[in-house]
């Protein structure tokens, strides 16, 4: 009889142990399932939120780009609109990097960032100092520009540096070499040509700038930014307020930046 009870007790212990193991496994399984369900739900909600945010960004950018210059707007949509950075490369004489953050390219890009409420606009500045257009060609400076992979390339041909030493034909030849090199390496880039700063009572220089403008007007793939429209005319005594010793003053850089901003956005920088 004693053995019978001992056997019964052993069976009960085994049954309790088996049930306890089964119950524990069920709780673990339920916990895992709940956790997986929560993670899946969180991931789904996260993806939905990200998709909504992207949709909101694209819709907002589309609204803000209404009326903007076509090439610029296309580049903004394909970069910033897709969560990537827009690279703007500005190149020219040492004017493009003068006065550090107060130069016209820096002021212009800062205005763009504020308007479009983004930090995903990157400015890269390349200055050629006092080099002439022929120097730039012989030093293969165009390769340096192309390697920066610009989405937007704004180039000021070295007409002023060339004045008196390089013919306008050679200036234009160097310009074409620059454009072709950048285009070949960056076929999707939008390229814009602008003149250097105006000069007070410099008739020969003015005639060379006109030849540059005529050359660009005859081109099918280049856009000319005529910022001279915003400056006092070259025989106006007010011009030295904006250009002193052949260099733009702080007021000149501001005026230049505002023209660029208006050109690309069709809005005033003050709006």
Protein backbone atom coordinates (compact mmCIF):
# COMPACT_ATOMS: atom_id res chain seq x y z
CA UNK A 1 0.00 0.00 0.00
CA UNK A 2 2.85 2.27 0.89
CA UNK A 3 4.40 1.67 -2.52
CA UNK A 4 1.07 2.48 -4.17
CA UNK A 5 0.89 5.90 -2.52
CA UNK A 6 4.51 6.60 -3.33
CA UNK A 7 3.85 5.76 -6.97
CA UNK A 8 0.76 7.94 -7.01
CA UNK A 9 2.69 10.83 -5.52
CA UNK A 10 5.41 10.42 -8.17
CA UNK A 11 2.79 10.47 -10.93
CA UNK A 12 1.24 13.62 -9.49
CA UNK A 13 4.63 15.31 -9.29
CA UNK A 14 5.38 14.38 -12.88
CA UNK A 15 1.96 15.64 -14.00
CA UNK A 16 2.43 18.92 -12.13
CA UNK A 17 5.90 19.32 -13.63
CA UNK A 18 4.66 18.65 -17.16
CA UNK A 19 1.74 21.05 -16.73
CA UNK A 20 4.01 23.70 -15.26
CA UNK A 21 6.40 23.38 -18.22
CA UNK A 22 3.52 23.59 -20.69
CA UNK A 23 2.04 26.62 -18.93
CA UNK A 24 5.43 28.36 -18.89
CA UNK A 25 5.99 27.65 -22.57
CA UNK A 26 2.58 29.09 -23.39
CA UNK A 27 3.33 32.29 -21.47
CA UNK A 28 6.67 32.64 -23.25
CA UNK A 29 5.02 32.04 -26.62
CA UNK A 30 2.31 34.61 -25.85
CA UNK A 31 4.95 37.14 -24.77
CA UNK A 32 6.99 36.57 -27.93
CA UNK A 33 3.90 36.85 -30.12
CA UNK A 34 2.84 40.06 -28.39
CA UNK A 35 6.36 41.47 -28.73
CA UNK A 36 6.57 40.57 -32.41
CA UNK A 37 3.13 42.04 -32.94
CA UNK A 38 4.15 45.26 -31.16
CA UNK A 39 7.40 45.51 -33.14
CA UNK A 40 5.59 44.85 -36.41
CA UNK A 41 2.99 47.46 -35.52
CA UNK A 42 5.70 49.96 -34.57
CA UNK A 43 7.59 49.27 -37.78
CA UNK A 44 4.42 49.66 -39.82
CA UNK A 45 3.53 52.87 -38.03
CA UNK A 46 7.12 54.11 -38.47
CA UNK A 47 7.07 53.37 -42.20
CA UNK A 48 3.68 55.01 -42.52
CA UNK A 49 4.91 58.09 -40.65
CA UNK A 50 8.06 58.26 -42.80
CA UNK A 51 5.96 57.95 -45.94
CA UNK A 52 3.62 60.68 -44.69
CA UNK A 53 6.58 62.93 -43.80
CA UNK A 54 8.11 62.39 -47.24
CA UNK A 55 4.77 63.10 -48.85
CA UNK A 56 4.38 66.28 -46.79
CA UNK A 57 7.93 67.36 -47.70
CA UNK A 58 7.37 66.75 -51.40
CA UNK A 59 4.04 68.58 -51.33
CA UNK A 60 5.52 71.49 -49.38
CA UNK A 61 8.55 71.71 -51.69
CA UNK A 62 6.31 71.57 -54.75
CA UNK A 63 4.36 74.51 -53.41
CA UNK A 64 7.48 76.51 -52.55
CA UNK A 65 9.02 75.84 -55.98
CA UNK A 66 6.01 77.20 -57.83
CA UNK A 67 7.33 79.77 -60.30
CA UNK A 68 11.01 78.96 -59.66
CA UNK A 69 13.49 78.83 -62.53
CA UNK A 70 12.89 75.53 -64.33
CA UNK A 71 16.37 73.99 -64.19
CA UNK A 72 16.79 74.91 -60.54
CA UNK A 73 13.33 73.60 -59.64
CA UNK A 74 14.03 70.27 -61.36
CA UNK A 75 17.30 69.87 -59.45
CA UNK A 76 15.63 70.73 -56.14
CA UNK A 77 12.90 68.16 -56.69
CA UNK A 78 15.35 65.39 -57.62
CA UNK A 79 17.67 66.07 -54.66
CA UNK A 80 16.12 67.84 -51.68
CA UNK A 81 12.72 66.43 -52.62
CA UNK A 82 14.21 62.93 -52.32
CA UNK A 83 16.00 63.59 -49.05
CA UNK A 84 19.40 64.25 -50.64
CA UNK A 85 21.59 67.36 -50.75
CA UNK A 86 21.62 69.83 -53.63
CA UNK A 87 25.21 70.75 -54.55
CA UNK A 88 25.77 74.26 -55.89
CA UNK A 89 29.23 75.00 -57.27
CA UNK A 90 30.14 78.66 -57.81
CA UNK A 91 33.37 79.37 -59.69
CA UNK A 92 35.19 82.42 -60.93
CA UNK A 93 37.88 84.87 -59.88
CA UNK A 94 38.75 85.48 -56.23
CA UNK A 95 35.55 87.56 -55.97
CA UNK A 96 33.49 84.40 -55.40
CA UNK A 97 35.12 83.73 -52.04
CA UNK A 98 35.92 87.26 -50.88
CA UNK A 99 34.73 88.39 -47.44
CA UNK A 100 34.28 84.79 -46.27
CA UNK A 101 30.62 84.16 -45.42
CA UNK A 102 29.62 87.57 -46.76
CA UNK A 103 30.49 86.83 -50.40
CA UNK A 104 27.61 86.75 -52.86
CA UNK A 105 27.54 82.92 -53.24
CA UNK A 106 27.38 82.41 -49.46
CA UNK A 107 24.66 85.05 -49.03
CA UNK A 108 22.67 83.61 -51.92
CA UNK A 109 22.76 80.03 -50.61
CA UNK A 110 21.85 81.18 -47.10
CA UNK A 111 18.77 82.89 -48.54
CA UNK A 112 17.86 79.68 -50.38
CA UNK A 113 18.14 77.62 -47.19
CA UNK A 114 15.87 80.02 -45.36
CA UNK A 115 13.27 80.13 -48.12
CA UNK A 116 13.06 76.37 -48.59
CA UNK A 117 13.56 75.64 -44.89
CA UNK A 118 16.34 73.11 -45.46
CA UNK A 119 20.02 72.62 -44.70
CA UNK A 120 20.32 70.20 -47.62
CA UNK A 121 21.79 72.81 -49.95
CA UNK A 122 25.57 72.57 -50.09
CA UNK A 123 27.77 75.33 -51.51
CA UNK A 124 31.20 74.60 -52.98
CA UNK A 125 33.27 77.58 -54.12
CA UNK A 126 36.21 77.42 -56.51
CA UNK A 127 38.18 80.58 -57.20
CA UNK A 128 40.92 80.97 -59.76
CA UNK A 129 42.55 84.02 -58.21
CA UNK A 130 44.25 86.14 -60.85
CA UNK A 131 44.52 83.36 -63.42
CA UNK A 132 43.43 84.09 -66.96
CA UNK A 133 41.12 81.88 -68.96
CA UNK A 134 44.12 80.37 -70.74
CA UNK A 135 45.74 79.59 -67.38
CA UNK A 136 42.58 77.81 -66.28
CA UNK A 137 42.66 75.67 -69.41
CA UNK A 138 46.35 74.79 -69.20
CA UNK A 139 45.99 73.93 -65.50
CA UNK A 140 42.97 71.73 -66.26
CA UNK A 141 40.90 73.52 -63.65
CA UNK A 142 37.71 72.32 -65.34
CA UNK A 143 38.47 68.80 -64.13
CA UNK A 144 38.45 70.11 -60.56
CA UNK A 145 35.00 71.58 -61.08
CA UNK A 146 33.65 68.40 -62.66
CA UNK A 147 34.95 66.29 -59.76
CA UNK A 148 32.77 68.28 -57.34
CA UNK A 149 29.69 66.74 -59.01
CA UNK A 150 27.56 69.89 -59.13
CA UNK A 151 23.81 69.77 -59.49
CA UNK A 152 23.91 73.51 -60.14
CA UNK A 153 27.03 75.10 -61.65
CA UNK A 154 27.25 78.91 -61.68
CA UNK A 155 30.32 80.12 -63.55
CA UNK A 156 31.69 83.63 -63.97
CA UNK A 157 34.10 83.53 -66.94
CA UNK A 158 37.33 85.39 -66.27
CA UNK A 159 36.58 88.29 -68.60
CA UNK A 160 37.97 90.85 -66.18
CA UNK A 161 41.13 88.84 -65.47
CA UNK A 162 41.60 88.47 -69.24
CA UNK A 163 41.12 92.17 -69.95
CA UNK A 164 44.13 93.44 -71.89
CA UNK A 165 45.95 90.08 -72.11
CA UNK A 166 43.58 87.47 -73.55
CA UNK A 167 41.32 87.92 -76.57
CA UNK A 168 37.60 87.52 -76.11
CA UNK A 169 37.72 84.62 -78.56
CA UNK A 170 40.12 82.77 -76.26
CA UNK A 171 37.97 83.66 -73.25
CA UNK A 172 34.96 82.12 -74.97
CA UNK A 173 36.98 79.09 -76.08
CA UNK A 174 38.03 78.49 -72.47
CA UNK A 175 34.42 78.91 -71.38
CA UNK A 176 33.27 76.25 -73.84
CA UNK A 177 36.00 73.90 -72.61
CA UNK A 178 34.84 74.42 -69.02
CA UNK A 179 31.21 73.76 -69.87
CA UNK A 180 31.93 70.66 -71.97
CA UNK A 181 34.13 69.14 -69.26
CA UNK A 182 31.55 69.67 -66.54
CA UNK A 183 28.70 68.43 -68.74
CA UNK A 184 30.56 65.28 -69.80
CA UNK A 185 31.22 64.28 -66.19
CA UNK A 186 27.86 65.52 -64.87
CA UNK A 187 25.30 65.16 -67.67
CA UNK A 188 22.39 66.07 -65.41
CA UNK A 189 23.88 69.32 -64.09
CA UNK A 190 22.16 72.65 -64.70
CA UNK A 191 24.75 75.19 -65.87
CA UNK A 192 24.47 78.97 -65.61
CA UNK A 193 26.85 81.64 -66.86
CA UNK A 194 27.07 85.09 -65.33
CA UNK A 195 29.42 88.01 -65.96
CA UNK A 196 31.91 89.23 -63.37
CA UNK A 197 31.15 92.46 -61.52
CA UNK A 198 30.62 95.65 -63.55
CA UNK A 199 33.32 98.32 -63.66
CA UNK A 200 32.94 102.08 -63.59
CA UNK A 201 33.50 103.77 -66.97
CA UNK A 202 35.21 100.76 -68.57
CA UNK A 203 33.89 100.82 -72.13
CA UNK A 204 36.20 98.14 -73.56
CA UNK A 205 35.35 95.78 -70.72
CA UNK A 206 31.64 96.44 -71.26
CA UNK A 207 31.99 95.53 -74.94
CA UNK A 208 33.62 92.21 -74.00
CA UNK A 209 30.79 91.44 -71.60
CA UNK A 210 28.31 92.12 -74.40
CA UNK A 211 30.14 89.60 -76.59
CA UNK A 212 29.93 87.07 -73.77
CA UNK A 213 26.20 87.67 -73.44
CA UNK A 214 25.68 87.30 -77.19
CA UNK A 215 27.61 84.01 -77.18
CA UNK A 216 25.45 82.56 -74.41
CA UNK A 217 22.26 83.80 -76.08
CA UNK A 218 23.20 81.76 -79.16
CA UNK A 219 23.68 78.61 -77.08
CA UNK A 220 20.98 75.98 -76.69
CA UNK A 221 22.14 74.53 -73.38
CA UNK A 222 23.34 77.51 -71.34
CA UNK A 223 21.44 80.08 -69.33
CA UNK A 224 22.79 83.60 -68.82
CA UNK A 225 22.25 85.37 -65.52
CA UNK A 226 22.47 89.08 -66.27
CA UNK A 227 22.95 90.43 -62.76
CA UNK A 228 24.23 93.70 -64.23
CA UNK A 229 20.56 94.63 -64.54
CA UNK A 230 20.51 95.14 -60.78
CA UNK A 231 23.60 97.36 -60.57
CA UNK A 232 23.87 101.06 -61.41
CA UNK A 233 24.92 101.42 -65.06
CA UNK A 234 28.65 101.57 -65.66
CA UNK A 235 28.80 105.35 -66.13
CA UNK A 236 26.64 106.04 -63.07
CA UNK A 237 28.51 107.76 -60.25
CA UNK A 238 26.62 105.53 -57.81
CA UNK A 239 28.44 102.42 -59.07
CA UNK A 240 31.59 102.96 -56.93
CA UNK A 241 29.36 102.45 -53.87
CA UNK A 242 29.06 98.84 -54.98
CA UNK A 243 32.45 98.29 -56.66
CA UNK A 244 35.66 99.71 -55.23
CA UNK A 245 39.18 99.01 -56.49
CA UNK A 246 37.72 96.56 -59.01
CA UNK A 247 36.13 94.49 -56.22
CA UNK A 248 32.51 94.39 -55.04
CA UNK A 249 31.95 96.08 -51.70
CA UNK A 250 29.76 94.49 -49.03
CA UNK A 251 26.82 96.31 -50.62
CA UNK A 252 27.87 94.92 -54.00
CA UNK A 253 27.95 91.34 -52.73
CA UNK A 254 24.51 91.79 -51.16
CA UNK A 255 23.08 93.23 -54.37
CA UNK A 256 24.60 90.38 -56.41
CA UNK A 257 23.25 87.72 -54.03
CA UNK A 258 19.77 89.24 -54.12
CA UNK A 259 19.76 89.17 -57.91
CA UNK A 260 20.69 85.49 -57.93
CA UNK A 261 18.00 84.70 -55.39
CA UNK A 262 15.36 86.50 -57.43
CA UNK A 263 16.56 84.87 -60.65
CA UNK A 264 16.21 81.34 -59.28
CA UNK A 265 13.11 81.80 -57.12
CA UNK A 266 11.37 84.74 -58.88
CA UNK A 267 10.96 86.25 -55.42
CA UNK A 268 12.69 89.04 -53.55
CA UNK A 269 15.11 87.95 -50.83
CA UNK A 270 13.23 90.23 -48.44
CA UNK A 271 9.93 88.34 -48.89
